[in-house]
Amino acid sequence: MSTATSTIQELADREYKYGFVTDVEADALPRGLSEDIVRLISVKKKEPDWLLEWRLKAYRYWLTMEEPRWWPNLKIAPSTTRTACIIRPRSRRRS
C-alpha cells in the first residue's frame, strides 16, 4: 500500500473528534420492494385506504411487466427489487 493510501486510510479510521453532529430524521425499511413495503410506506405517509389499494394494484401490474428488449445492442443487467433501497427526503419545517 502506498504512503498516500495508508495516510488516507489512517485518517478515515480515526474517530471524529470535533463534536459536530447532524441529526437527520430518517426511516429505516428493509431492502427490497414487496406488498409489505408498499403497505408500510402507505402507513408512514398516513395515506387513505383507497390510495393504498391503488398503489398495490399498480405494484401487482408492474410485477407482470417484462423489461423492454426492443433495443438490439443494449446490454443491461435485469433489474431486481430485492436490493432496492427507498430513501426518504428530509422533512420540511413548516412555519
PDB file of N, CA and C in Angstrom:
ATOM      1  N   MET A   1       0.847  -1.168   0.000  1.00  0.00           N
ATOM      2  CA  MET A   1       0.000   0.000   0.000  1.00  0.00           C
ATOM      3  C   MET A   1       0.896   1.235   0.000  1.00  0.00           C
ATOM      4  N   SER A   2       0.551   2.205  -0.835  1.00  0.00           N
ATOM      5  CA  SER A   2       1.364   3.411  -0.928  1.00  0.00           C
ATOM      6  C   SER A   2       1.192   4.279   0.317  1.00  0.00           C
ATOM      7  N   THR A   3       2.095   5.207   0.491  1.00  0.00           N
ATOM      8  CA  THR A   3       2.045   6.110   1.648  1.00  0.00           C
ATOM      9  C   THR A   3       0.767   6.944   1.634  1.00  0.00           C
ATOM     10  N   ALA A   4       0.394   7.461   0.469  1.00  0.00           N
ATOM     11  CA  ALA A   4      -0.819   8.276   0.366  1.00  0.00           C
ATOM     12  C   ALA A   4      -2.053   7.454   0.737  1.00  0.00           C
ATOM     13  N   THR A   5      -2.116   6.234   0.254  1.00  0.00           N
ATOM     14  CA  THR A   5      -3.260   5.372   0.552  1.00  0.00           C
ATOM     15  C   THR A   5      -3.319   5.039   2.031  1.00  0.00           C
ATOM     16  N   SER A   6      -2.174   4.746   2.624  1.00  0.00           N
ATOM     17  CA  SER A   6      -2.173   4.415   4.054  1.00  0.00           C
ATOM     18  C   SER A   6      -2.527   5.638   4.903  1.00  0.00           C
ATOM     19  N   THR A   7      -2.098   6.820   4.481  1.00  0.00           N
ATOM     20  CA  THR A   7      -2.455   8.046   5.205  1.00  0.00           C
ATOM     21  C   THR A   7      -3.959   8.294   5.133  1.00  0.00           C
ATOM     22  N   ILE A   8      -4.521   8.137   3.962  1.00  0.00           N
ATOM     23  CA  ILE A   8      -5.975   8.320   3.801  1.00  0.00           C
ATOM     24  C   ILE A   8      -6.725   7.306   4.652  1.00  0.00           C
ATOM     25  N   GLN A   9      -6.276   6.064   4.628  1.00  0.00           N
ATOM     26  CA  GLN A   9      -6.941   5.020   5.419  1.00  0.00           C
ATOM     27  C   GLN A   9      -6.839   5.325   6.909  1.00  0.00           C
ATOM     28  N   GLU A  10      -5.695   5.791   7.340  1.00  0.00           N
ATOM     29  CA  GLU A  10      -5.500   6.144   8.747  1.00  0.00           C
ATOM     30  C   GLU A  10      -6.444   7.276   9.169  1.00  0.00           C
ATOM     31  N   LEU A  11      -6.565   8.291   8.320  1.00  0.00           N
ATOM     32  CA  LEU A  11      -7.471   9.395   8.622  1.00  0.00           C
ATOM     33  C   LEU A  11      -8.931   8.948   8.625  1.00  0.00           C
ATOM     34  N   ALA A  12      -9.287   8.079   7.718  1.00  0.00           N
ATOM     35  CA  ALA A  12     -10.664   7.585   7.639  1.00  0.00           C
ATOM     36  C   ALA A  12     -11.025   6.713   8.838  1.00  0.00           C
ATOM     37  N   ASP A  13     -10.068   6.019   9.388  1.00  0.00           N
ATOM     38  CA  ASP A  13     -10.328   5.111  10.506  1.00  0.00           C
ATOM     39  C   ASP A  13     -10.355   5.811  11.862  1.00  0.00           C
ATOM     40  N   ARG A  14      -9.856   7.051  11.919  1.00  0.00           N
ATOM     41  CA  ARG A  14      -9.843   7.774  13.193  1.00  0.00           C
ATOM     42  C   ARG A  14     -11.250   8.133  13.632  1.00  0.00           C
ATOM     43  N   GLU A  15     -11.441   8.205  14.936  1.00  0.00           N
ATOM     44  CA  GLU A  15     -12.727   8.644  15.467  1.00  0.00           C
ATOM     45  C   GLU A  15     -12.830  10.153  15.313  1.00  0.00           C
ATOM     46  N   TYR A  16     -14.005  10.639  14.948  1.00  0.00           N
ATOM     47  CA  TYR A  16     -14.228  12.059  14.742  1.00  0.00           C
ATOM     48  C   TYR A  16     -14.182  12.771  16.084  1.00  0.00           C
ATOM     49  N   LYS A  17     -13.399  13.851  16.189  1.00  0.00           N
ATOM     50  CA  LYS A  17     -13.160  14.468  17.491  1.00  0.00           C
ATOM     51  C   LYS A  17     -13.665  15.899  17.628  1.00  0.00           C
ATOM     52  N   TYR A  18     -14.338  16.447  16.612  1.00  0.00           N
ATOM     53  CA  TYR A  18     -14.693  17.859  16.652  1.00  0.00           C
ATOM     54  C   TYR A  18     -16.101  18.145  17.170  1.00  0.00           C
ATOM     55  N   GLY A  19     -16.897  17.134  17.400  1.00  0.00           N
ATOM     56  CA  GLY A  19     -18.187  17.314  18.049  1.00  0.00           C
ATOM     57  C   GLY A  19     -19.342  17.716  17.161  1.00  0.00           C
ATOM     58  N   PHE A  20     -19.126  17.942  15.877  1.00  0.00           N
ATOM     59  CA  PHE A  20     -20.223  18.334  15.000  1.00  0.00           C
ATOM     60  C   PHE A  20     -21.042  17.102  14.642  1.00  0.00           C
ATOM     61  N   VAL A  21     -22.360  17.196  14.838  1.00  0.00           N
ATOM     62  CA  VAL A  21     -23.249  16.078  14.531  1.00  0.00           C
ATOM     63  C   VAL A  21     -24.460  16.614  13.788  1.00  0.00           C
ATOM     64  N   THR A  22     -24.859  15.934  12.753  1.00  0.00           N
ATOM     65  CA  THR A  22     -26.081  16.284  12.045  1.00  0.00           C
ATOM     66  C   THR A  22     -27.116  15.224  12.349  1.00  0.00           C
ATOM     67  N   ASP A  23     -28.166  15.631  13.028  1.00  0.00           N
ATOM     68  CA  ASP A  23     -29.229  14.701  13.372  1.00  0.00           C
ATOM     69  C   ASP A  23     -30.277  14.760  12.267  1.00  0.00           C
ATOM     70  N   VAL A  24     -30.289  13.760  11.399  1.00  0.00           N
ATOM     71  CA  VAL A  24     -31.186  13.730  10.265  1.00  0.00           C
ATOM     72  C   VAL A  24     -32.281  12.708  10.541  1.00  0.00           C
ATOM     73  N   GLU A  25     -33.518  13.166  10.414  1.00  0.00           N
ATOM     74  CA  GLU A  25     -34.640  12.262  10.600  1.00  0.00           C
ATOM     75  C   GLU A  25     -34.695  11.301   9.419  1.00  0.00           C
ATOM     76  N   ALA A  26     -34.766  10.013   9.716  1.00  0.00           N
ATOM     77  CA  ALA A  26     -34.798   9.023   8.648  1.00  0.00           C
ATOM     78  C   ALA A  26     -35.602   7.818   9.096  1.00  0.00           C
ATOM     79  N   ASP A  27     -36.197   7.161   8.147  1.00  0.00           N
ATOM     80  CA  ASP A  27     -36.910   5.915   8.395  1.00  0.00           C
ATOM     81  C   ASP A  27     -36.097   4.781   7.805  1.00  0.00           C
ATOM     82  N   ALA A  28     -35.959   3.723   8.550  1.00  0.00           N
ATOM     83  CA  ALA A  28     -35.242   2.551   8.053  1.00  0.00           C
ATOM     84  C   ALA A  28     -36.253   1.493   7.648  1.00  0.00           C
ATOM     85  N   LEU A  29     -36.166   1.065   6.407  1.00  0.00           N
ATOM     86  CA  LEU A  29     -37.021  -0.001   5.891  1.00  0.00           C
ATOM     87  C   LEU A  29     -36.131  -1.121   5.384  1.00  0.00           C
ATOM     88  N   PRO A  30     -36.630  -2.339   5.396  1.00  0.00           N
ATOM     89  CA  PRO A  30     -35.833  -3.438   4.834  1.00  0.00           C
ATOM     90  C   PRO A  30     -35.598  -3.204   3.342  1.00  0.00           C
ATOM     91  N   ARG A  31     -34.495  -3.729   2.839  1.00  0.00           N
ATOM     92  CA  ARG A  31     -34.213  -3.621   1.410  1.00  0.00           C
ATOM     93  C   ARG A  31     -35.244  -4.419   0.633  1.00  0.00           C
ATOM     94  N   GLY A  32     -35.508  -3.973  -0.580  1.00  0.00           N
ATOM     95  CA  GLY A  32     -36.413  -4.689  -1.457  1.00  0.00           C
ATOM     96  C   GLY A  32     -37.742  -3.977  -1.603  1.00  0.00           C
ATOM     97  N   LEU A  33     -38.544  -4.473  -2.511  1.00  0.00           N
ATOM     98  CA  LEU A  33     -39.868  -3.927  -2.743  1.00  0.00           C
ATOM     99  C   LEU A  33     -40.852  -5.074  -2.773  1.00  0.00           C
ATOM    100  N   SER A  34     -41.862  -4.969  -1.967  1.00  0.00           N
ATOM    101  CA  SER A  34     -42.887  -6.007  -1.879  1.00  0.00           C
ATOM    102  C   SER A  34     -44.188  -5.340  -1.469  1.00  0.00           C
ATOM    103  N   GLU A  35     -45.258  -6.113  -1.432  1.00  0.00           N
ATOM    104  CA  GLU A  35     -46.534  -5.559  -0.980  1.00  0.00           C
ATOM    105  C   GLU A  35     -46.415  -5.066   0.457  1.00  0.00           C
ATOM    106  N   ASP A  36     -45.663  -5.771   1.277  1.00  0.00           N
ATOM    107  CA  ASP A  36     -45.489  -5.340   2.666  1.00  0.00           C
ATOM    108  C   ASP A  36     -44.798  -3.978   2.752  1.00  0.00           C
ATOM    109  N   ILE A  37     -43.813  -3.755   1.910  1.00  0.00           N
ATOM    110  CA  ILE A  37     -43.107  -2.472   1.902  1.00  0.00           C
ATOM    111  C   ILE A  37     -44.044  -1.370   1.410  1.00  0.00           C
ATOM    112  N   VAL A  38     -44.836  -1.659   0.376  1.00  0.00           N
ATOM    113  CA  VAL A  38     -45.799  -0.672  -0.119  1.00  0.00           C
ATOM    114  C   VAL A  38     -46.779  -0.314   0.993  1.00  0.00           C
ATOM    115  N   ARG A  39     -47.246  -1.311   1.726  1.00  0.00           N
ATOM    116  CA  ARG A  39     -48.176  -1.062   2.836  1.00  0.00           C
ATOM    117  C   ARG A  39     -47.507  -0.220   3.934  1.00  0.00           C
ATOM    118  N   LEU A  40     -46.266  -0.560   4.264  1.00  0.00           N
ATOM    119  CA  LEU A  40     -45.548   0.159   5.305  1.00  0.00           C
ATOM    120  C   LEU A  40     -45.343   1.633   4.937  1.00  0.00           C
ATOM    121  N   ILE A  41     -44.983   1.878   3.698  1.00  0.00           N
ATOM    122  CA  ILE A  41     -44.796   3.259   3.242  1.00  0.00           C
ATOM    123  C   ILE A  41     -46.119   4.007   3.309  1.00  0.00           C
ATOM    124  N   SER A  42     -47.185   3.343   2.912  1.00  0.00           N
ATOM    125  CA  SER A  42     -48.502   3.971   2.950  1.00  0.00           C
ATOM    126  C   SER A  42     -48.907   4.336   4.376  1.00  0.00           C
ATOM    127  N   VAL A  43     -48.614   3.457   5.325  1.00  0.00           N
ATOM    128  CA  VAL A  43     -48.928   3.738   6.726  1.00  0.00           C
ATOM    129  C   VAL A  43     -48.107   4.931   7.212  1.00  0.00           C
ATOM    130  N   LYS A  44     -46.814   4.948   6.893  1.00  0.00           N
ATOM    131  CA  LYS A  44     -45.953   6.041   7.340  1.00  0.00           C
ATOM    132  C   LYS A  44     -46.387   7.388   6.749  1.00  0.00           C
ATOM    133  N   LYS A  45     -46.927   7.347   5.521  1.00  0.00           N
ATOM    134  CA  LYS A  45     -47.379   8.583   4.887  1.00  0.00           C
ATOM    135  C   LYS A  45     -48.814   8.928   5.265  1.00  0.00           C
ATOM    136  N   LYS A  46     -49.446   8.065   6.075  1.00  0.00           N
ATOM    137  CA  LYS A  46     -50.838   8.267   6.525  1.00  0.00           C
ATOM    138  C   LYS A  46     -51.783   8.450   5.340  1.00  0.00           C
ATOM    139  N   GLU A  47     -51.659   7.545   4.361  1.00  0.00           N
ATOM    140  CA  GLU A  47     -52.486   7.615   3.164  1.00  0.00           C
ATOM    141  C   GLU A  47     -53.840   6.953   3.399  1.00  0.00           C
ATOM    142  N   PRO A  48     -54.866   7.387   2.682  1.00  0.00           N
ATOM    143  CA  PRO A  48     -56.173   6.746   2.800  1.00  0.00           C
ATOM    144  C   PRO A  48     -56.152   5.345   2.169  1.00  0.00           C
ATOM    145  N   ASP A  49     -57.106   4.515   2.556  1.00  0.00           N
ATOM    146  CA  ASP A  49     -57.157   3.130   2.078  1.00  0.00           C
ATOM    147  C   ASP A  49     -57.265   3.040   0.557  1.00  0.00           C
ATOM    148  N   TRP A  50     -58.027   3.947  -0.053  1.00  0.00           N
ATOM    149  CA  TRP A  50     -58.203   3.873  -1.500  1.00  0.00           C
ATOM    150  C   TRP A  50     -56.871   4.083  -2.221  1.00  0.00           C
ATOM    151  N   LEU A  51     -56.000   4.924  -1.661  1.00  0.00           N
ATOM    152  CA  LEU A  51     -54.706   5.173  -2.292  1.00  0.00           C
ATOM    153  C   LEU A  51     -53.785   3.961  -2.129  1.00  0.00           C
ATOM    154  N   LEU A  52     -53.840   3.339  -0.959  1.00  0.00           N
ATOM    155  CA  LEU A  52     -53.061   2.111  -0.758  1.00  0.00           C
ATOM    156  C   LEU A  52     -53.493   1.044  -1.756  1.00  0.00           C
ATOM    157  N   GLU A  53     -54.802   0.855  -1.923  1.00  0.00           N
ATOM    158  CA  GLU A  53     -55.286  -0.149  -2.883  1.00  0.00           C
ATOM    159  C   GLU A  53     -54.843   0.186  -4.305  1.00  0.00           C
ATOM    160  N   TRP A  54     -54.857   1.467  -4.658  1.00  0.00           N
ATOM    161  CA  TRP A  54     -54.404   1.886  -5.980  1.00  0.00           C
ATOM    162  C   TRP A  54     -52.923   1.564  -6.167  1.00  0.00           C
ATOM    163  N   ARG A  55     -52.117   1.838  -5.139  1.00  0.00           N
ATOM    164  CA  ARG A  55     -50.674   1.550  -5.216  1.00  0.00           C
ATOM    165  C   ARG A  55     -50.418   0.040  -5.307  1.00  0.00           C
ATOM    166  N   LEU A  56     -51.157  -0.745  -4.534  1.00  0.00           N
ATOM    167  CA  LEU A  56     -50.986  -2.200  -4.584  1.00  0.00           C
ATOM    168  C   LEU A  56     -51.379  -2.751  -5.952  1.00  0.00           C
ATOM    169  N   LYS A  57     -52.450  -2.221  -6.528  1.00  0.00           N
ATOM    170  CA  LYS A  57     -52.866  -2.646  -7.866  1.00  0.00           C
ATOM    171  C   LYS A  57     -51.771  -2.319  -8.886  1.00  0.00           C
ATOM    172  N   ALA A  58     -51.205  -1.123  -8.783  1.00  0.00           N
ATOM    173  CA  ALA A  58     -50.125  -0.720  -9.694  1.00  0.00           C
ATOM    174  C   ALA A  58     -48.898  -1.607  -9.490  1.00  0.00           C
ATOM    175  N   TYR A  59     -48.573  -1.927  -8.236  1.00  0.00           N
ATOM    176  CA  TYR A  59     -47.422  -2.784  -7.946  1.00  0.00           C
ATOM    177  C   TYR A  59     -47.627  -4.181  -8.534  1.00  0.00           C
ATOM    178  N   ARG A  60     -48.818  -4.742  -8.361  1.00  0.00           N
ATOM    179  CA  ARG A  60     -49.112  -6.084  -8.904  1.00  0.00           C
ATOM    180  C   ARG A  60     -49.028  -6.085 -10.430  1.00  0.00           C
ATOM    181  N   TYR A  61     -49.518  -5.020 -11.050  1.00  0.00           N
ATOM    182  CA  TYR A  61     -49.423  -4.922 -12.503  1.00  0.00           C
ATOM    183  C   TYR A  61     -47.960  -4.820 -12.932  1.00  0.00           C
ATOM    184  N   TRP A  62     -47.185  -4.020 -12.210  1.00  0.00           N
ATOM    185  CA  TRP A  62     -45.763  -3.845 -12.525  1.00  0.00           C
ATOM    186  C   TRP A  62     -45.025  -5.188 -12.469  1.00  0.00           C
ATOM    187  N   LEU A  63     -45.415  -6.055 -11.538  1.00  0.00           N
ATOM    188  CA  LEU A  63     -44.775  -7.364 -11.427  1.00  0.00           C
ATOM    189  C   LEU A  63     -44.995  -8.224 -12.666  1.00  0.00           C
ATOM    190  N   THR A  64     -46.088  -7.993 -13.380  1.00  0.00           N
ATOM    191  CA  THR A  64     -46.380  -8.804 -14.570  1.00  0.00           C
ATOM    192  C   THR A  64     -45.664  -8.294 -15.813  1.00  0.00           C
ATOM    193  N   MET A  65     -45.107  -7.094 -15.745  1.00  0.00           N
ATOM    194  CA  MET A  65     -44.490  -6.482 -16.918  1.00  0.00           C
ATOM    195  C   MET A  65     -43.112  -7.080 -17.204  1.00  0.00           C
ATOM    196  N   GLU A  66     -42.771  -7.096 -18.479  1.00  0.00           N
ATOM    197  CA  GLU A  66     -41.440  -7.533 -18.884  1.00  0.00           C
ATOM    198  C   GLU A  66     -40.607  -6.305 -19.222  1.00  0.00           C
ATOM    199  N   GLU A  67     -39.311  -6.432 -18.996  1.00  0.00           N
ATOM    200  CA  GLU A  67     -38.421  -5.333 -19.353  1.00  0.00           C
ATOM    201  C   GLU A  67     -38.341  -5.233 -20.865  1.00  0.00           C
ATOM    202  N   PRO A  68     -38.283  -4.015 -21.384  1.00  0.00           N
ATOM    203  CA  PRO A  68     -38.210  -3.851 -22.841  1.00  0.00           C
ATOM    204  C   PRO A  68     -36.903  -4.416 -23.399  1.00  0.00           C
ATOM    205  N   ARG A  69     -37.014  -5.098 -24.509  1.00  0.00           N
ATOM    206  CA  ARG A  69     -35.829  -5.670 -25.185  1.00  0.00           C
ATOM    207  C   ARG A  69     -35.787  -5.236 -26.647  1.00  0.00           C
ATOM    208  N   TRP A  70     -36.403  -4.103 -26.959  1.00  0.00           N
ATOM    209  CA  TRP A  70     -36.514  -3.668 -28.340  1.00  0.00           C
ATOM    210  C   TRP A  70     -35.246  -3.032 -28.873  1.00  0.00           C
ATOM    211  N   TRP A  71     -34.292  -2.688 -28.041  1.00  0.00           N
ATOM    212  CA  TRP A  71     -33.035  -2.099 -28.491  1.00  0.00           C
ATOM    213  C   TRP A  71     -32.025  -3.235 -28.630  1.00  0.00           C
ATOM    214  N   PRO A  72     -31.629  -3.582 -29.846  1.00  0.00           N
ATOM    215  CA  PRO A  72     -30.862  -4.817 -30.055  1.00  0.00           C
ATOM    216  C   PRO A  72     -29.481  -4.858 -29.399  1.00  0.00           C
ATOM    217  N   ASN A  73     -28.769  -3.751 -29.302  1.00  0.00           N
ATOM    218  CA  ASN A  73     -27.411  -3.793 -28.763  1.00  0.00           C
ATOM    219  C   ASN A  73     -27.315  -3.296 -27.327  1.00  0.00           C
ATOM    220  N   LEU A  74     -28.439  -3.132 -26.676  1.00  0.00           N
ATOM    221  CA  LEU A  74     -28.451  -2.643 -25.307  1.00  0.00           C
ATOM    222  C   LEU A  74     -28.273  -3.821 -24.357  1.00  0.00           C
ATOM    223  N   LYS A  75     -27.236  -3.759 -23.541  1.00  0.00           N
ATOM    224  CA  LYS A  75     -26.956  -4.840 -22.610  1.00  0.00           C
ATOM    225  C   LYS A  75     -27.060  -4.301 -21.185  1.00  0.00           C
ATOM    226  N   ILE A  76     -28.181  -4.562 -20.541  1.00  0.00           N
ATOM    227  CA  ILE A  76     -28.434  -4.107 -19.183  1.00  0.00           C
ATOM    228  C   ILE A  76     -28.771  -5.323 -18.330  1.00  0.00           C
ATOM    229  N   ALA A  77     -28.179  -5.361 -17.161  1.00  0.00           N
ATOM    230  CA  ALA A  77     -28.494  -6.472 -16.251  1.00  0.00           C
ATOM    231  C   ALA A  77     -29.965  -6.369 -15.852  1.00  0.00           C
ATOM    232  N   PRO A  78     -30.627  -7.507 -15.676  1.00  0.00           N
ATOM    233  CA  PRO A  78     -32.027  -7.473 -15.256  1.00  0.00           C
ATOM    234  C   PRO A  78     -32.175  -6.753 -13.925  1.00  0.00           C
ATOM    235  N   SER A  79     -33.232  -5.972 -13.799  1.00  0.00           N
ATOM    236  CA  SER A  79     -33.442  -5.248 -12.545  1.00  0.00           C
ATOM    237  C   SER A  79     -33.978  -6.206 -11.488  1.00  0.00           C
ATOM    238  N   THR A  80     -33.722  -5.864 -10.269  1.00  0.00           N
ATOM    239  CA  THR A  80     -34.216  -6.679  -9.175  1.00  0.00           C
ATOM    240  C   THR A  80     -34.731  -5.763  -8.082  1.00  0.00           C
ATOM    241  N   THR A  81     -35.827  -6.131  -7.490  1.00  0.00           N
ATOM    242  CA  THR A  81     -36.376  -5.322  -6.407  1.00  0.00           C
ATOM    243  C   THR A  81     -35.867  -5.799  -5.056  1.00  0.00           C
ATOM    244  N   ARG A  82     -35.123  -6.891  -5.039  1.00  0.00           N
ATOM    245  CA  ARG A  82     -34.617  -7.407  -3.760  1.00  0.00           C
ATOM    246  C   ARG A  82     -33.552  -6.499  -3.156  1.00  0.00           C
ATOM    247  N   THR A  83     -32.886  -5.724  -3.996  1.00  0.00           N
ATOM    248  CA  THR A  83     -31.830  -4.846  -3.479  1.00  0.00           C
ATOM    249  C   THR A  83     -32.231  -3.370  -3.507  1.00  0.00           C
ATOM    250  N   ALA A  84     -33.477  -3.094  -3.867  1.00  0.00           N
ATOM    251  CA  ALA A  84     -33.922  -1.705  -3.912  1.00  0.00           C
ATOM    252  C   ALA A  84     -33.880  -1.099  -2.516  1.00  0.00           C
ATOM    253  N   CYS A  85     -33.515   0.145  -2.471  1.00  0.00           N
ATOM    254  CA  CYS A  85     -33.441   0.858  -1.201  1.00  0.00           C
ATOM    255  C   CYS A  85     -34.238   2.140  -1.345  1.00  0.00           C
ATOM    256  N   ILE A  86     -35.149   2.364  -0.434  1.00  0.00           N
ATOM    257  CA  ILE A  86     -36.005   3.538  -0.500  1.00  0.00           C
ATOM    258  C   ILE A  86     -35.428   4.622   0.390  1.00  0.00           C
ATOM    259  N   ILE A  87     -35.263   5.800  -0.177  1.00  0.00           N
ATOM    260  CA  ILE A  87     -34.690   6.922   0.558  1.00  0.00           C
ATOM    261  C   ILE A  87     -35.764   7.989   0.715  1.00  0.00           C
ATOM    262  N   ARG A  88     -35.947   8.421   1.914  1.00  0.00           N
ATOM    263  CA  ARG A  88     -36.956   9.435   2.201  1.00  0.00           C
ATOM    264  C   ARG A  88     -36.280  10.791   2.245  1.00  0.00           C
ATOM    265  N   PRO A  89     -36.821  11.759   1.501  1.00  0.00           N
ATOM    266  CA  PRO A  89     -36.220  13.097   1.564  1.00  0.00           C
ATOM    267  C   PRO A  89     -36.425  13.725   2.933  1.00  0.00           C
ATOM    268  N   ARG A  90     -35.556  14.680   3.247  1.00  0.00           N
ATOM    269  CA  ARG A  90     -35.680  15.362   4.533  1.00  0.00           C
ATOM    270  C   ARG A  90     -37.036  16.042   4.628  1.00  0.00           C
ATOM    271  N   SER A  91     -37.578  16.024   5.827  1.00  0.00           N
ATOM    272  CA  SER A  91     -38.857  16.698   6.022  1.00  0.00           C
ATOM    273  C   SER A  91     -38.623  18.206   6.058  1.00  0.00           C
ATOM    274  N   ARG A  92     -39.595  18.946   5.589  1.00  0.00           N
ATOM    275  CA  ARG A  92     -39.502  20.399   5.595  1.00  0.00           C
ATOM    276  C   ARG A  92     -40.157  20.930   6.858  1.00  0.00           C
ATOM    277  N   ARG A  93     -39.529  21.916   7.428  1.00  0.00           N
ATOM    278  CA  ARG A  93     -40.113  22.564   8.605  1.00  0.00           C
ATOM    279  C   ARG A  93     -41.177  23.531   8.140  1.00  0.00           C
ATOM    280  N   ARG A  94     -42.306  23.488   8.799  1.00  0.00           N
ATOM    281  CA  ARG A  94     -43.380  24.413   8.481  1.00  0.00           C
ATOM    282  C   ARG A  94     -43.425  25.514   9.527  1.00  0.00           C
ATOM    283  N   SER A  95     -43.527  26.727   9.066  1.00  0.00           N
ATOM    284  CA  SER A  95     -43.573  27.872   9.999  1.00  0.00           C
ATOM    285  C   SER A  95     -44.959  28.057  10.552  1.00  0.00           C
TER     286      SER A  95
END
